[in-house]
Amino acid sequence: MTSDRELEIHRSLRESQNRYTYFLLAVVGAAIALVINQTQSASLNWSQFPLAAAMLAWALSFLFGCLNRAYVSSGLYTNVALIEAKAGRHNLVGTNTEAIKIAAETLHEIFEDQSNKANKFGNLQFRFLIAGAIFYIAWHVFEMYLRSI
């Protein structure tokens, strides 16, 4: 049985992970808004290729952040179903021990898959945020160079 202290630690960890993901989503949204604001009156030019790459990376970061949230939510839903199945309260398995065993194994596999995908998309969210920042800095330095010649 899980203690209240352990449950509180799990809740704190979950909240921290949620805040981190939403923070990254907000950073990406702000970065995209900044670029749109900076380029409102600019004409399309080949020198803006790194900026386009930054925008693409940030758009992918946003997508992966949203996918992370979707898989985390699905994983929580699956975990609830797993707990109910193990307790014999799930409407599909009832108290049938063989059905509970099969459901628990299946739901556990589904939960693991959803958890792995959430982690993968969370990592991709961060990596594409950083890649976008690198492309943005490269664009900025390149533009400074072009203005100096």
Protein backbone atom coordinates (compact mmCIF):
# COMPACT_ATOMS: atom_id res chain seq x y z
CA MET A 1 0.00 0.00 0.00
CA THR A 2 1.27 3.45 -0.90
CA SER A 3 1.72 5.90 1.97
CA ASP A 4 0.36 9.44 1.99
CA ARG A 5 3.93 10.75 1.79
CA GLU A 6 4.63 8.69 -1.34
CA LEU A 7 1.38 9.87 -2.93
CA GLU A 8 2.30 13.48 -2.20
CA ILE A 9 5.72 13.00 -3.79
CA HIS A 10 4.09 11.46 -6.88
CA ARG A 11 1.62 14.37 -7.10
CA SER A 12 4.42 16.90 -6.76
CA LEU A 13 6.43 15.18 -9.48
CA ARG A 14 3.42 15.06 -11.82
CA GLU A 15 2.66 18.76 -11.20
CA SER A 16 6.30 19.69 -11.80
CA GLN A 17 6.36 17.77 -15.08
CA ASN A 18 3.11 19.40 -16.18
CA ARG A 19 4.39 22.89 -15.38
CA TYR A 20 7.63 22.21 -17.25
CA THR A 21 5.80 21.05 -20.39
CA TYR A 22 3.43 24.01 -20.32
CA PHE A 23 6.37 26.37 -19.74
CA LEU A 24 8.08 25.01 -22.86
CA LEU A 25 4.83 25.41 -24.83
CA ALA A 26 4.62 29.03 -23.69
CA VAL A 27 8.26 29.70 -24.61
CA VAL A 28 7.70 28.28 -28.10
CA GLY A 29 4.54 30.34 -28.54
CA ALA A 30 6.39 33.48 -27.48
CA ALA A 31 9.28 32.71 -29.82
CA ILE A 32 6.94 32.23 -32.77
CA ALA A 33 5.13 35.48 -31.91
CA LEU A 34 8.46 37.31 -31.67
CA VAL A 35 9.54 36.16 -35.13
CA ILE A 36 6.19 37.03 -36.67
CA ASN A 37 6.39 40.48 -35.07
CA GLN A 38 9.99 40.99 -36.23
CA THR A 39 9.24 40.04 -39.83
CA GLN A 40 5.87 41.73 -40.38
CA SER A 41 7.26 44.29 -42.78
CA ALA A 42 10.15 42.18 -44.14
CA SER A 43 10.17 40.90 -47.68
CA LEU A 44 10.93 37.26 -48.38
CA ASN A 45 14.65 36.74 -48.88
CA TRP A 46 16.98 33.74 -49.09
CA SER A 47 18.85 35.04 -46.03
CA GLN A 48 15.79 34.20 -43.96
CA PHE A 49 16.25 30.45 -44.45
CA PRO A 50 17.64 29.96 -40.92
CA LEU A 51 14.64 31.87 -39.58
CA ALA A 52 12.27 29.58 -41.48
CA ALA A 53 14.14 26.60 -40.03
CA ALA A 54 13.72 28.10 -36.55
CA MET A 55 9.99 28.54 -37.11
CA LEU A 56 9.67 24.96 -38.34
CA ALA A 57 11.61 23.64 -35.35
CA TRP A 58 9.44 25.66 -32.96
CA ALA A 59 6.26 24.50 -34.66
CA LEU A 60 7.44 20.90 -34.26
CA SER A 61 8.33 21.60 -30.63
CA PHE A 62 4.79 22.86 -30.06
CA LEU A 63 3.33 19.80 -31.79
CA PHE A 64 5.46 17.42 -29.74
CA GLY A 65 4.50 19.24 -26.54
CA CYS A 66 0.83 18.80 -27.40
CA LEU A 67 1.39 15.13 -28.21
CA ASN A 68 3.18 14.73 -24.88
CA ARG A 69 0.15 16.16 -23.09
CA ALA A 70 -2.20 13.87 -25.03
CA TYR A 71 -0.21 10.74 -24.16
CA VAL A 72 0.13 11.75 -20.52
CA SER A 73 -3.65 12.19 -20.31
CA SER A 74 -4.26 8.88 -22.06
CA GLY A 75 -1.78 7.20 -19.75
CA LEU A 76 -3.56 8.53 -16.68
CA TYR A 77 -6.89 7.29 -18.02
CA THR A 78 -5.38 3.87 -18.74
CA ASN A 79 -3.82 3.78 -15.27
CA VAL A 80 -7.23 4.43 -13.69
CA ALA A 81 -8.70 1.58 -15.75
CA LEU A 82 -5.83 -0.66 -14.64
CA ILE A 83 -6.44 0.13 -10.97
CA GLU A 84 -10.17 -0.53 -11.37
CA ALA A 85 -9.54 -3.79 -13.24
CA LYS A 86 -7.10 -5.06 -10.59
CA ALA A 87 -9.64 -4.22 -7.88
CA GLY A 88 -12.39 -6.07 -9.78
CA ARG A 89 -14.40 -2.86 -10.25
CA HIS A 90 -14.00 -2.43 -14.00
CA ASN A 91 -17.26 -3.12 -15.84
CA LEU A 92 -15.56 -5.24 -18.54
CA VAL A 93 -13.87 -7.74 -16.19
CA GLY A 94 -15.97 -7.71 -13.06
CA THR A 95 -14.65 -10.18 -10.49
CA ASN A 96 -13.54 -12.88 -12.96
CA THR A 97 -9.93 -13.57 -11.90
CA GLU A 98 -8.81 -14.72 -15.35
CA ALA A 99 -10.34 -11.64 -17.01
CA ILE A 100 -8.74 -9.41 -14.36
CA LYS A 101 -5.33 -10.97 -15.05
CA ILE A 102 -5.64 -10.53 -18.83
CA ALA A 103 -6.99 -6.99 -18.50
CA ALA A 104 -4.26 -6.01 -16.05
CA GLU A 105 -1.51 -7.33 -18.33
CA THR A 106 -3.01 -5.65 -21.39
CA LEU A 107 -3.65 -2.33 -19.66
CA HIS A 108 -0.16 -2.37 -18.18
CA GLU A 109 1.35 -2.83 -21.66
CA ILE A 110 -0.82 -0.03 -23.03
CA PHE A 111 0.17 2.23 -20.12
CA GLU A 112 3.88 1.51 -20.68
CA ASP A 113 3.52 2.30 -24.39
CA GLN A 114 1.72 5.58 -23.65
CA SER A 115 4.31 6.49 -21.03
CA ASN A 116 7.18 5.79 -23.42
CA LYS A 117 5.56 7.87 -26.15
CA ALA A 118 4.90 10.74 -23.74
CA ASN A 119 8.56 10.69 -22.70
CA LYS A 120 9.71 10.55 -26.33
CA PHE A 121 7.53 13.49 -27.32
CA GLY A 122 8.62 15.45 -24.22
CA ASN A 123 12.27 14.97 -25.20
CA LEU A 124 11.53 15.96 -28.80
CA GLN A 125 9.68 19.05 -27.58
CA PHE A 126 12.77 20.26 -25.73
CA ARG A 127 15.22 19.34 -28.51
CA PHE A 128 13.24 21.17 -31.19
CA LEU A 129 12.91 24.21 -28.92
CA ILE A 130 16.70 24.32 -28.62
CA ALA A 131 17.18 23.66 -32.36
CA GLY A 132 14.86 26.58 -33.11
CA ALA A 133 16.86 28.82 -30.80
CA ILE A 134 20.09 27.82 -32.54
CA PHE A 135 18.60 28.54 -35.98
CA TYR A 136 17.24 31.86 -34.72
CA ILE A 137 20.63 32.92 -33.38
CA ALA A 138 22.28 31.81 -36.63
CA TRP A 139 19.77 33.89 -38.60
CA HIS A 140 20.37 36.91 -36.37
CA VAL A 141 24.16 36.67 -36.70
CA PHE A 142 23.85 36.14 -40.46
CA GLU A 143 21.63 39.22 -40.79
CA MET A 144 24.14 41.25 -38.79
CA TYR A 145 26.90 40.06 -41.11
CA LEU A 146 24.87 40.97 -44.23
CA ARG A 147 24.23 44.48 -42.85
CA SER A 148 27.95 44.99 -42.25
CA ILE A 149 29.03 44.27 -45.83
